[in-house]
Structure formats: C-alpha cells, structure tokens
Amino acid sequence: MKRFLMCLAAAAFAFSAAAQEAQPVDSLSGEAADQQADNGVIGKYRRSSLYTVLMKHSAFKYGEAIDSAFMAMPTPDKFNCHDLAVKSFESSAVKQKKKGKYKEDVNARDIQSFILDADVARGMVSKWFNRCPETGVFDMKLIQERGNYDASQADINIADQSSRGRAMLADAGEELIGKTFLLVNDITFVDKGEKSAKAGGWLRALGAVAGAVTGDSSFSSMGDSAAKLVNEIDGFSVNITSYLYRLDWNDEVAGTFYVLYWNDPSNPDPARRMAYDTTNLFRLTYVGQTSTSAANLSSKSLSSKSKESQMLKVCTRAIDKSIVQLQRDFDEFKVNVPLYRINDDGTVDVQIGLKEGINARSQFDVLMPSETEDGRMVYEKVGRIQPVAGKIWDNRFGADEDAEALAADGGKAPAEDGDEAGDVTLTASTFKVLSGAHRIVPGCLVREVTIKRSK
C-alpha cells in the first residue's frame, strides 16, 4: 500500500511539473508592418484589405476584457486596414460552447444580421472610393495609394474609354477591391487557473491521505509541494472561431458601379447619390471558417503583466492563428510578402515567422511581379524556397518581453504547436532556395505553397 501511494503521489507531482513546463507562452513582435530593408529593396507592395470585427459576449466571463483587448489590436501587418466604424456586435448566444449546432446556428444568424444592419458591403465600397457622405462623390486616392498607381493613372475620368484607363480600373478591381475581406471573430475565455486550483487541492488531499495511512509525514510534504507547484500556474486560454467573407467585386459589378453610380467630384449628381444609397448591388460572399485556441499559461514568476496586457497578447495570438489556418485552407485569402534580403551565401530573408505559422517544412513560391503594356500587374513563378531550421524568426506578440522573462527565470520559450522554436533576436526568417536561384532577385514576392490534402 505504501509503495502504491508513493508511486501515485510521485506520478501526480511529475505530471503537474511536466504540465507546467509544456504550456505555451504567447508572444509576437512589435515590428512595424512596412519596415524597410537596409538597401531599400522592399518599398511598397499590394496587400489584401481586411475588416476585423468581434462578436461580443458581454455576459460571459471576461467578455468585456476580451472586447477591450480586441479594440486595442492593430490590423495584422500583412493586410491593409479596411475597418469601418462598427468594430463589434453583441452575440445573442446564451450558452458558452466551443462548437456544435447551437453555436453554428446562433453565429450564422447574428453575423448575417450584422452584415445587413451595418450595410457592410456598401460601406466597404464607399471606403475604397473615399465617398463623401454629404455629396456622395467619389475619388481614386485610396486606390492610387494601395495600388501604387501614379497620379496620371489614378486621375482618370471614369468615362474614359481608352484601353489603358479600362485596364487600370480592371487591375484595381482584381488586385485590390476584389481582395477585400471581412473577418468576424468569436472569442471566448477559458479559465485554467480554476482547474489548477482544483488540481492543487486534489494533490494536497492525496498527500494527507498517504501520510495518514502510512504514518510517513513526507507524503503530506510532497502533496503540499505538488499543490504549490500546480497553483503557480497562473494562466488562461481563449477559444476562437473566425468567419471569413469576401467583398463581391467582378467585371459586372464594376461595370454597373462605374456606369450607374459613379459620382464625379467635378460634377456631383444628387440622383446618382440616391441611386447608390438604395442599390442592392453590393454583397459579401462567405468563404469559410476555422476554430483554434491560444493560451497564456506560465509560472507567476515569469510575468508581472496585468490581466489586460495578457488578454491583449492571447487574443492577438488567437486571431493570428486563425488567419494562418484560413490562408492555408483558402488560396484567395493568401498574401504575397516581399523578399527582405538576398544573402551572400545564396539564402534569402523574408519578414515572416512564427506569427505566420511557418516551420522548417513550410515551402513558398517566389513570384516576380511585372506590369503589362496596358498597366495591369501580373505575377510569374520563378522559384521556391524553404525556411532554414534554427533561423526562424519569433515575431509573435510580446516575444521580446517573454524571452527576457524566461531568460531571467532560467527557462526557454517552447516551440509553437510542436515545431522548432523561433529566435526573437532575428529581424526576418532565413530561407534556402530549392529552385530558381538565378531568377530570384530584389523585388520578388513570396507566397506559401498550397498544402495538398487527401479527400
């Protein structure tokens, strides 16, 4: 009996210690979105545009804290911010469930109501064309800025029938407006601290029972030590389901808009303003969804940060993980990222890392952008690259702060989702060239290769 209880208590102690050591620590760098390379190669590049919205659960535990954290988040740096005035709406759910038919039905209904009530699709189009709410007139300034068009290209008359004018409008629609997305995030809190407290109580009781049965006080001491260790785990996690929608913008929609609703600032037309305000031309298409989680489980000795700061970090990490999964599932949501540096040893650097979900098995196509004679942008695949193990950038939220805290505590940042850990001291990840070495030059973009899944 004594041997059995000793093994049981020791196993429980070891399990609690291992659980503490294995918990992921959330982080992400605070690097600027458009940081320039030393040689100025990167410059500007075309990004997809993203409008992020929170489905609030004010009545749920820490619902208000999640709302506050969401409002403090920046737009993910590989996207242009296309946020509208409304950044959140209240969920009608009365039960907190991670998944299931109940959640799916409630969320689908709530999201559809939000899209219609907030007139999201029309709002997205209005933002693209910088629509004046008083006069209803449009301009091309934002399209010029995001598409890197020169002033003469963007300052065209919409009625212009020249081939270059039509090509620029088509290019802007395909490359910019047609890559505008709405991301609705349903985030709920999962308290790990309560579970840790219960586990600690169980281990303390186990030690007391073992001590009483055997008369050996060391069992009670062991139980107290195990319980204290478990209660050192001060953390929580959040579950997130993200729903992705794309703004419908094709040749037919564009043609109707330019012919019937374009309101030129040089000649404002009240009739066109009214027609635009009442049309049902603009719509959003559902792309897909994903569910994941992010945790902030660490020893109390590792962090003196406020709960608000920890919540911001965990919620930001959760949305980053959702975006990674959605990009892997849906090609249309993938982004192109420019090369950061071409190194003397033949490797290349790109400013992506753990935040973007890369690991030593990831592969990226290298694309060369070029402009056709009529002004449209095209992309040619010229090579393929793969991250170098041990040279992956840890650019997760708060990575630098967590690295300092862990170093002071004698710990080491755990790997992300079972992959090798990243290096917070880097400014980019290094890639080896698998093909196209002689065609990879400054100005190229990279895009993650689609993962083939068996049906």
Protein backbone atom coordinates (compact mmCIF):
# COMPACT_ATOMS: atom_id res chain seq x y z
CA MET A 1 0.00 0.00 0.00
CA LYS A 2 2.79 2.37 0.93
CA ARG A 3 4.63 1.73 -2.33
CA PHE A 4 1.40 2.21 -4.31
CA LEU A 5 0.61 5.56 -2.65
CA MET A 6 4.19 6.73 -3.06
CA CYS A 7 4.12 5.97 -6.78
CA LEU A 8 0.76 7.64 -7.18
CA ALA A 9 1.84 10.82 -5.42
CA ALA A 10 5.15 10.95 -7.26
CA ALA A 11 3.41 10.45 -10.59
CA ALA A 12 0.97 13.22 -9.82
CA PHE A 13 3.82 15.54 -8.84
CA ALA A 14 5.76 14.73 -12.02
CA PHE A 15 2.68 15.18 -14.18
CA SER A 16 1.98 18.62 -12.71
CA ALA A 17 5.58 19.71 -13.25
CA ALA A 18 5.57 18.46 -16.82
CA ALA A 19 2.28 20.18 -17.50
CA GLN A 20 3.69 23.46 -16.26
CA GLU A 21 6.85 23.09 -18.37
CA ALA A 22 4.88 22.17 -21.51
CA GLN A 23 2.50 25.12 -21.51
CA PRO A 24 2.97 27.51 -24.45
CA VAL A 25 3.94 31.10 -23.75
CA ASP A 26 2.31 33.61 -26.09
CA SER A 27 4.28 36.36 -27.81
CA LEU A 28 4.60 38.34 -31.02
CA SER A 29 6.99 41.08 -32.05
CA GLY A 30 6.09 44.73 -32.25
CA GLU A 31 7.91 45.33 -35.54
CA ALA A 32 6.38 47.88 -37.90
CA ALA A 33 4.30 46.49 -40.74
CA ASP A 34 6.23 48.10 -43.55
CA GLN A 35 9.80 48.01 -42.22
CA GLN A 36 12.29 48.81 -44.95
CA ALA A 37 15.32 46.73 -45.80
CA ASP A 38 18.71 48.37 -45.40
CA ASN A 39 19.09 48.62 -49.16
CA GLY A 40 15.55 49.94 -49.64
CA VAL A 41 14.52 47.00 -51.82
CA ILE A 42 11.15 46.22 -50.20
CA GLY A 43 9.32 49.50 -50.68
CA LYS A 44 5.55 49.26 -51.01
CA TYR A 45 3.64 46.24 -52.19
CA ARG A 46 -0.01 45.41 -52.73
CA ARG A 47 -1.77 43.91 -49.75
CA SER A 48 -5.22 42.42 -49.36
CA SER A 49 -7.56 44.58 -47.27
CA LEU A 50 -9.13 43.37 -44.04
CA TYR A 51 -12.01 44.49 -41.82
CA THR A 52 -11.89 42.71 -38.45
CA VAL A 53 -14.94 42.53 -36.19
CA LEU A 54 -15.58 40.97 -32.77
CA MET A 55 -18.69 39.01 -31.86
CA LYS A 56 -19.06 40.14 -28.24
CA HIS A 57 -20.19 38.03 -25.28
CA SER A 58 -20.61 40.70 -22.62
CA ALA A 59 -22.43 38.35 -20.24
CA PHE A 60 -19.74 35.68 -20.38
CA LYS A 61 -16.72 35.62 -18.09
CA TYR A 62 -14.13 38.23 -19.12
CA GLY A 63 -16.30 39.21 -22.09
CA GLU A 64 -15.63 42.90 -21.50
CA ALA A 65 -11.90 42.27 -21.13
CA ILE A 66 -11.83 40.47 -24.48
CA ASP A 67 -13.75 43.36 -26.05
CA SER A 68 -11.24 45.89 -24.68
CA ALA A 69 -8.30 43.81 -25.88
CA PHE A 70 -9.80 43.46 -29.35
CA MET A 71 -10.28 47.21 -29.68
CA ALA A 72 -6.59 47.73 -28.86
CA MET A 73 -5.35 45.30 -31.53
CA PRO A 74 -3.71 46.65 -34.69
CA THR A 75 -4.67 45.29 -38.10
CA PRO A 76 -2.43 42.29 -38.96
CA ASP A 77 0.57 43.82 -40.71
CA LYS A 78 0.32 41.85 -43.95
CA PHE A 79 -3.06 43.48 -44.67
CA ASN A 80 -4.32 46.99 -45.32
CA CYS A 81 -6.75 48.15 -42.65
CA HIS A 82 -10.24 48.42 -44.13
CA ASP A 83 -12.11 48.79 -40.85
CA LEU A 84 -15.46 50.56 -40.78
CA ALA A 85 -16.95 52.48 -37.87
CA VAL A 86 -18.57 49.45 -36.20
CA LYS A 87 -15.95 47.09 -34.77
CA SER A 88 -18.14 44.75 -32.71
CA PHE A 89 -21.65 43.48 -32.20
CA GLU A 90 -23.34 41.56 -29.41
CA SER A 91 -23.88 37.83 -29.75
CA SER A 92 -27.34 36.50 -28.96
CA ALA A 93 -25.86 33.26 -27.58
CA VAL A 94 -26.87 32.40 -24.02
CA LYS A 95 -24.63 29.33 -23.77
CA GLN A 96 -20.86 29.31 -23.97
CA LYS A 97 -19.96 26.40 -26.23
CA LYS A 98 -16.84 25.92 -28.32
CA LYS A 99 -18.68 24.28 -31.19
CA GLY A 100 -21.86 22.47 -32.14
CA LYS A 101 -25.12 23.09 -33.98
CA TYR A 102 -26.34 25.58 -31.38
CA LYS A 103 -23.29 27.79 -31.81
CA GLU A 104 -23.28 27.48 -35.59
CA ASP A 105 -26.95 28.46 -35.87
CA VAL A 106 -26.67 31.42 -33.49
CA ASN A 107 -23.47 32.75 -35.04
CA ALA A 108 -24.74 32.41 -38.61
CA ARG A 109 -27.87 34.35 -37.73
CA ASP A 110 -26.01 37.04 -35.78
CA ILE A 111 -23.36 37.58 -38.47
CA GLN A 112 -25.93 37.86 -41.23
CA SER A 113 -27.89 40.40 -39.20
CA PHE A 114 -24.75 42.41 -38.57
CA ILE A 115 -23.76 42.42 -42.26
CA LEU A 116 -27.21 43.66 -43.27
CA ASP A 117 -27.82 46.10 -40.40
CA ALA A 118 -24.38 47.70 -40.67
CA ASP A 119 -24.58 47.72 -44.50
CA VAL A 120 -21.07 46.26 -44.55
CA ALA A 121 -20.68 45.61 -48.29
CA ARG A 122 -21.72 49.14 -49.29
CA GLY A 123 -19.52 50.54 -46.53
CA MET A 124 -16.51 48.67 -47.89
CA VAL A 125 -17.08 50.04 -51.39
CA SER A 126 -17.61 53.55 -50.04
CA LYS A 127 -14.30 53.38 -48.20
CA TRP A 128 -12.46 52.23 -51.32
CA PHE A 129 -13.69 55.24 -53.26
CA ASN A 130 -13.42 57.70 -50.38
CA ARG A 131 -17.12 58.57 -50.71
CA CYS A 132 -18.22 61.88 -49.24
CA PRO A 133 -21.39 61.20 -47.18
CA GLU A 134 -22.74 64.72 -47.76
CA THR A 135 -22.36 64.95 -51.53
CA GLY A 136 -21.99 61.28 -52.48
CA VAL A 137 -18.96 61.95 -54.70
CA PHE A 138 -16.06 59.51 -55.09
CA ASP A 139 -12.34 59.72 -55.79
CA MET A 140 -9.48 57.33 -56.55
CA LYS A 141 -7.00 58.44 -53.88
CA LEU A 142 -7.07 55.26 -51.78
CA ILE A 143 -6.87 53.04 -54.85
CA GLN A 144 -3.91 55.08 -56.07
CA GLU A 145 -2.18 54.73 -52.72
CA ARG A 146 -2.76 51.00 -52.18
CA GLY A 147 -2.20 50.04 -55.80
CA ASN A 148 0.93 52.16 -56.18
CA TYR A 149 -0.51 53.85 -59.26
CA ASP A 150 0.98 57.14 -60.34
CA ALA A 151 -1.17 60.23 -60.32
CA SER A 152 -1.82 60.20 -64.07
CA GLN A 153 -3.15 56.63 -63.89
CA ALA A 154 -5.42 57.24 -60.92
CA ASP A 155 -6.66 60.66 -62.04
CA ILE A 156 -8.65 59.28 -64.94
CA ASN A 157 -12.17 60.12 -65.97
CA ILE A 158 -14.32 57.08 -65.28
CA ALA A 159 -15.98 57.61 -68.64
CA ASP A 160 -12.57 57.35 -70.32
CA GLN A 161 -12.76 54.54 -72.88
CA SER A 162 -9.02 54.29 -73.55
CA SER A 163 -7.57 50.80 -73.22
CA ARG A 164 -5.15 51.95 -70.51
CA GLY A 165 -7.93 53.56 -68.49
CA ARG A 166 -10.07 50.42 -68.63
CA ALA A 167 -7.04 48.24 -67.83
CA MET A 168 -6.20 50.29 -64.74
CA LEU A 169 -9.76 50.02 -63.44
CA ALA A 170 -9.85 46.29 -64.10
CA ASP A 171 -6.46 45.82 -62.44
CA ALA A 172 -7.54 47.83 -59.39
CA GLY A 173 -10.70 45.76 -59.12
CA GLU A 174 -8.95 42.41 -59.41
CA GLU A 175 -5.85 43.21 -57.36
CA LEU A 176 -7.35 45.47 -54.70
CA ILE A 177 -11.12 45.74 -54.32
CA GLY A 178 -11.72 42.07 -55.10
CA LYS A 179 -9.34 41.13 -52.28
CA THR A 180 -11.26 42.87 -49.52
CA PHE A 181 -12.26 40.62 -46.64
CA LEU A 182 -14.41 40.70 -43.51
CA LEU A 183 -13.17 38.59 -40.58
CA VAL A 184 -15.68 38.05 -37.77
CA ASN A 185 -14.11 36.64 -34.60
CA ASP A 186 -16.00 34.80 -31.87
CA ILE A 187 -13.64 34.72 -28.86
CA THR A 188 -14.50 33.14 -25.50
CA PHE A 189 -12.48 32.80 -22.30
CA VAL A 190 -11.30 29.50 -20.82
CA ASP A 191 -10.10 29.72 -17.22
CA LYS A 192 -7.16 27.43 -16.48
CA GLY A 193 -6.50 28.91 -13.06
CA GLU A 194 -9.62 27.33 -11.56
CA LYS A 195 -8.59 23.92 -12.87
CA SER A 196 -5.11 24.42 -11.42
CA ALA A 197 -6.59 25.27 -8.01
CA LYS A 198 -8.75 22.13 -8.08
CA ALA A 199 -5.74 20.02 -9.09
CA GLY A 200 -3.70 21.52 -6.28
CA GLY A 201 -6.40 20.68 -3.74
CA TRP A 202 -6.55 17.11 -5.00
CA LEU A 203 -2.79 16.64 -4.71
CA ARG A 204 -2.76 18.14 -1.19
CA ALA A 205 -5.53 15.77 -0.14
CA LEU A 206 -3.71 12.81 -1.70
CA GLY A 207 -0.61 13.63 0.29
CA ALA A 208 -2.58 13.92 3.51
CA VAL A 209 -4.28 10.54 2.98
CA ALA A 210 -0.99 8.85 2.15
CA GLY A 211 0.59 10.33 5.26
CA ALA A 212 -2.26 9.20 7.50
CA VAL A 213 -2.24 5.65 6.13
CA THR A 214 1.50 5.16 6.28
CA GLY A 215 2.41 7.42 9.17
CA ASP A 216 5.06 8.97 6.94
CA SER A 217 4.85 12.80 7.04
CA SER A 218 6.93 13.08 3.88
CA PHE A 219 3.81 12.21 1.87
CA SER A 220 2.00 15.23 3.25
CA SER A 221 5.00 17.42 2.47
CA MET A 222 5.15 16.01 -1.05
CA GLY A 223 1.44 16.73 -1.54
CA ASP A 224 1.88 20.31 -0.34
CA SER A 225 4.82 20.83 -2.72
CA ALA A 226 2.90 19.43 -5.67
CA ALA A 227 -0.15 21.57 -4.86
CA LYS A 228 2.01 24.69 -4.55
CA LEU A 229 3.60 23.97 -7.92
CA VAL A 230 0.24 23.50 -9.61
CA ASN A 231 -1.11 26.73 -8.11
CA GLU A 232 1.89 28.59 -9.52
CA ILE A 233 0.28 28.09 -12.93
CA ASP A 234 -1.47 31.39 -13.40
CA GLY A 235 -2.97 31.36 -16.86
CA PHE A 236 -5.88 31.06 -19.16
CA SER A 237 -6.69 30.46 -22.79
CA VAL A 238 -9.25 31.63 -25.30
CA ASN A 239 -11.18 29.69 -27.89
CA ILE A 240 -11.79 31.43 -31.20
CA THR A 241 -13.91 30.72 -34.25
CA SER A 242 -13.25 33.09 -37.15
CA TYR A 243 -15.63 33.53 -40.08
CA LEU A 244 -14.24 34.85 -43.37
CA TYR A 245 -16.21 36.78 -46.01
CA ARG A 246 -15.07 38.39 -49.28
CA LEU A 247 -16.49 41.51 -50.92
CA ASP A 248 -18.01 40.60 -54.30
CA TRP A 249 -16.29 42.69 -56.97
CA ASN A 250 -16.14 41.44 -60.55
CA ASP A 251 -16.41 42.92 -64.04
CA GLU A 252 -20.20 43.01 -63.89
CA VAL A 253 -20.36 44.74 -60.51
CA ALA A 254 -17.60 47.16 -61.50
CA GLY A 255 -19.29 47.99 -64.81
CA THR A 256 -22.62 48.71 -63.13
CA PHE A 257 -20.95 50.83 -60.48
CA TYR A 258 -18.99 52.98 -62.91
CA VAL A 259 -21.91 53.43 -65.33
CA LEU A 260 -24.79 54.00 -62.89
CA TYR A 261 -23.38 55.09 -59.54
CA TRP A 262 -20.01 56.80 -60.06
CA ASN A 263 -20.42 60.38 -58.82
CA ASP A 264 -17.62 62.57 -60.05
CA PRO A 265 -16.45 65.39 -57.74
CA SER A 266 -16.29 67.78 -60.71
CA ASN A 267 -20.00 67.29 -61.39
CA PRO A 268 -21.94 66.00 -58.33
CA ASP A 269 -25.24 64.36 -59.22
CA PRO A 270 -27.89 64.01 -56.46
CA ALA A 271 -29.72 61.36 -58.48
CA ARG A 272 -26.61 59.17 -58.57
CA ARG A 273 -26.09 59.69 -54.87
CA MET A 274 -29.62 58.47 -54.15
CA ALA A 275 -29.28 55.55 -56.56
CA TYR A 276 -26.08 54.42 -54.85
CA ASP A 277 -27.66 54.70 -51.41
CA THR A 278 -30.54 52.42 -52.38
CA THR A 279 -28.91 49.82 -54.62
CA ASN A 280 -28.55 46.20 -53.54
CA LEU A 281 -25.65 45.64 -55.95
CA PHE A 282 -23.01 45.08 -53.28
CA ARG A 283 -22.73 41.79 -51.42
CA LEU A 284 -20.39 39.67 -49.34
CA THR A 285 -19.65 36.01 -50.07
CA TYR A 286 -18.95 33.55 -47.28
CA VAL A 287 -15.52 31.96 -47.78
CA GLY A 288 -15.14 29.67 -44.77
CA GLN A 289 -14.33 29.42 -41.08
CA THR A 290 -11.82 27.95 -38.67
CA SER A 291 -11.60 27.25 -34.95
CA THR A 292 -8.48 27.28 -32.80
CA SER A 293 -7.24 28.49 -29.42
CA ALA A 294 -4.39 30.38 -27.83
CA ALA A 295 -3.06 30.10 -24.30
CA ASN A 296 -1.15 32.16 -21.78
CA LEU A 297 -0.06 29.59 -19.26
CA SER A 298 3.11 30.40 -17.36
CA SER A 299 4.58 30.46 -13.90
CA LYS A 300 3.69 33.55 -11.91
CA SER A 301 7.39 34.20 -11.52
CA LEU A 302 7.65 34.73 -15.28
CA SER A 303 5.19 37.56 -15.61
CA SER A 304 4.10 40.61 -13.68
CA LYS A 305 1.95 41.82 -16.55
CA SER A 306 -1.62 42.91 -15.93
CA LYS A 307 -4.53 40.71 -16.95
CA GLU A 308 -5.38 43.34 -19.59
CA SER A 309 -1.92 43.04 -21.13
CA GLN A 310 -2.08 39.25 -21.04
CA MET A 311 -5.54 39.27 -22.62
CA LEU A 312 -4.33 41.50 -25.45
CA LYS A 313 -1.47 39.11 -26.13
CA VAL A 314 -3.60 35.97 -26.08
CA CYS A 315 -6.41 37.39 -28.21
CA THR A 316 -3.95 38.77 -30.76
CA ARG A 317 -2.26 35.38 -30.96
CA ALA A 318 -5.63 33.67 -31.40
CA ILE A 319 -6.56 35.85 -34.37
CA ASP A 320 -3.10 35.40 -35.90
CA LYS A 321 -3.52 31.62 -35.69
CA SER A 322 -6.98 31.83 -37.26
CA ILE A 323 -5.61 33.86 -40.17
CA VAL A 324 -2.84 31.30 -40.75
CA GLN A 325 -5.34 28.44 -40.86
CA LEU A 326 -7.71 30.33 -43.16
CA GLN A 327 -4.88 31.16 -45.55
CA ARG A 328 -3.86 27.52 -45.72
CA ASP A 329 -7.44 26.44 -46.38
CA PHE A 330 -8.38 29.15 -48.89
CA ASP A 331 -5.95 30.28 -51.58
CA GLU A 332 -7.85 33.52 -52.23
CA PHE A 333 -7.00 34.70 -48.69
CA LYS A 334 -3.27 34.10 -49.02
CA VAL A 335 -0.98 37.10 -49.13
CA ASN A 336 2.19 37.93 -51.04
CA VAL A 337 5.13 39.16 -48.97
CA PRO A 338 8.28 40.77 -50.44
CA LEU A 339 11.79 39.42 -50.06
CA TYR A 340 13.60 41.31 -47.35
CA ARG A 341 17.20 40.50 -48.25
CA ILE A 342 19.26 38.29 -50.57
CA ASN A 343 22.30 36.99 -48.67
CA ASP A 344 25.83 36.34 -49.93
CA ASP A 345 25.55 32.62 -49.15
CA GLY A 346 22.59 32.21 -51.53
CA THR A 347 19.89 32.18 -48.87
CA VAL A 348 17.15 34.80 -48.71
CA ASP A 349 15.43 36.55 -45.79
CA VAL A 350 11.71 37.26 -45.53
CA GLN A 351 9.99 39.14 -42.72
CA ILE A 352 7.64 36.36 -41.67
CA GLY A 353 7.97 33.88 -38.83
CA LEU A 354 6.10 32.02 -36.11
CA LYS A 355 3.23 34.50 -36.27
CA GLU A 356 2.59 33.39 -39.84
CA GLY A 357 2.80 29.74 -38.79
CA ILE A 358 5.97 28.84 -40.68
CA ASN A 359 8.25 25.95 -39.74
CA ALA A 360 11.15 24.09 -41.32
CA ARG A 361 8.73 22.09 -43.50
CA SER A 362 6.93 25.12 -44.99
CA GLN A 363 7.51 25.96 -48.65
CA PHE A 364 6.93 29.22 -50.51
CA ASP A 365 6.71 30.05 -54.19
CA VAL A 366 8.75 33.05 -55.33
CA LEU A 367 6.85 35.38 -57.66
CA MET A 368 8.14 38.10 -59.96
CA PRO A 369 5.63 40.94 -60.42
CA SER A 370 5.60 42.84 -63.69
CA GLU A 371 3.37 45.34 -65.44
CA THR A 372 1.84 44.67 -68.83
CA GLU A 373 1.79 47.28 -71.59
CA ASP A 374 -1.73 48.33 -70.68
CA GLY A 375 -0.85 48.79 -67.00
CA ARG A 376 -2.08 45.58 -65.38
CA MET A 377 0.00 43.68 -62.83
CA VAL A 378 0.91 40.03 -63.47
CA TYR A 379 2.93 37.54 -61.42
CA GLU A 380 5.28 34.85 -62.71
CA LYS A 381 6.53 31.99 -60.54
CA VAL A 382 10.33 31.97 -60.69
CA GLY A 383 11.39 29.70 -57.81
CA ARG A 384 10.66 28.03 -54.50
CA ILE A 385 12.18 28.48 -51.02
CA GLN A 386 12.02 26.74 -47.64
CA PRO A 387 12.85 28.02 -44.11
CA VAL A 388 16.19 27.04 -42.59
CA ALA A 389 15.79 25.19 -39.28
CA GLY A 390 17.10 27.29 -36.40
CA LYS A 391 16.76 30.55 -38.37
CA ILE A 392 13.03 31.14 -38.00
CA TRP A 393 12.02 34.49 -36.55
CA ASP A 394 9.84 34.54 -33.43
CA ASN A 395 7.70 37.53 -34.35
CA ARG A 396 4.75 36.62 -32.14
CA PHE A 397 3.10 39.28 -30.00
CA GLY A 398 5.28 40.13 -26.98
CA ALA A 399 8.01 37.69 -27.99
CA ASP A 400 10.78 40.02 -26.86
CA GLU A 401 9.22 40.57 -23.42
CA ASP A 402 8.58 36.88 -22.90
CA ALA A 403 12.12 35.98 -23.95
CA GLU A 404 13.55 38.35 -21.34
CA ALA A 405 11.26 37.00 -18.62
CA LEU A 406 12.03 33.39 -19.48
CA ALA A 407 15.77 34.06 -19.58
CA ALA A 408 15.62 35.66 -16.15
CA ASP A 409 13.72 32.64 -14.85
CA GLY A 410 16.13 30.19 -16.47
CA GLY A 411 13.54 28.85 -18.90
CA LYS A 412 13.30 28.59 -22.65
CA ALA A 413 10.44 29.53 -24.96
CA PRO A 414 8.56 26.39 -26.01
CA ALA A 415 8.05 25.51 -29.65
CA GLU A 416 4.91 26.62 -31.42
CA ASP A 417 2.45 23.75 -31.98
CA GLY A 418 5.20 21.15 -31.74
CA ASP A 419 7.55 22.78 -34.25
CA GLU A 420 11.01 24.11 -33.55
CA ALA A 421 11.16 27.29 -31.51
CA GLY A 422 11.88 30.62 -33.18
CA ASP A 423 14.53 33.22 -32.43
CA VAL A 424 13.26 36.53 -31.11
CA THR A 425 16.59 38.25 -31.81
CA LEU A 426 16.16 37.94 -35.58
CA THR A 427 14.50 40.53 -37.81
CA ALA A 428 13.47 38.03 -40.50
CA SER A 429 13.45 34.30 -41.22
CA THR A 430 16.13 32.79 -43.46
CA PHE A 431 15.16 30.52 -46.38
CA LYS A 432 17.18 28.15 -48.51
CA VAL A 433 16.49 28.23 -52.25
CA LEU A 434 15.02 24.99 -53.60
CA SER A 435 14.73 26.15 -57.22
CA GLY A 436 15.17 29.23 -59.39
CA ALA A 437 18.26 30.58 -57.65
CA HIS A 438 19.34 32.68 -60.64
CA ARG A 439 15.87 34.18 -61.11
CA ILE A 440 15.27 35.27 -57.52
CA VAL A 441 16.13 38.95 -57.40
CA PRO A 442 15.20 42.03 -55.36
CA GLY A 443 11.55 42.93 -55.90
CA CYS A 444 10.25 39.33 -55.85
CA LEU A 445 7.36 38.30 -53.62
CA VAL A 446 6.77 35.02 -51.78
CA ARG A 447 3.53 33.12 -51.22
CA GLU A 448 3.04 29.95 -49.18
CA VAL A 449 2.51 26.80 -51.23
CA THR A 450 -0.92 25.20 -51.01
CA ILE A 451 -0.94 22.13 -48.81
CA LYS A 452 -2.45 19.20 -50.69
CA ARG A 453 -4.97 17.35 -48.54
CA SER A 454 -6.43 13.93 -49.24
CA LYS A 455 -10.19 13.87 -49.69
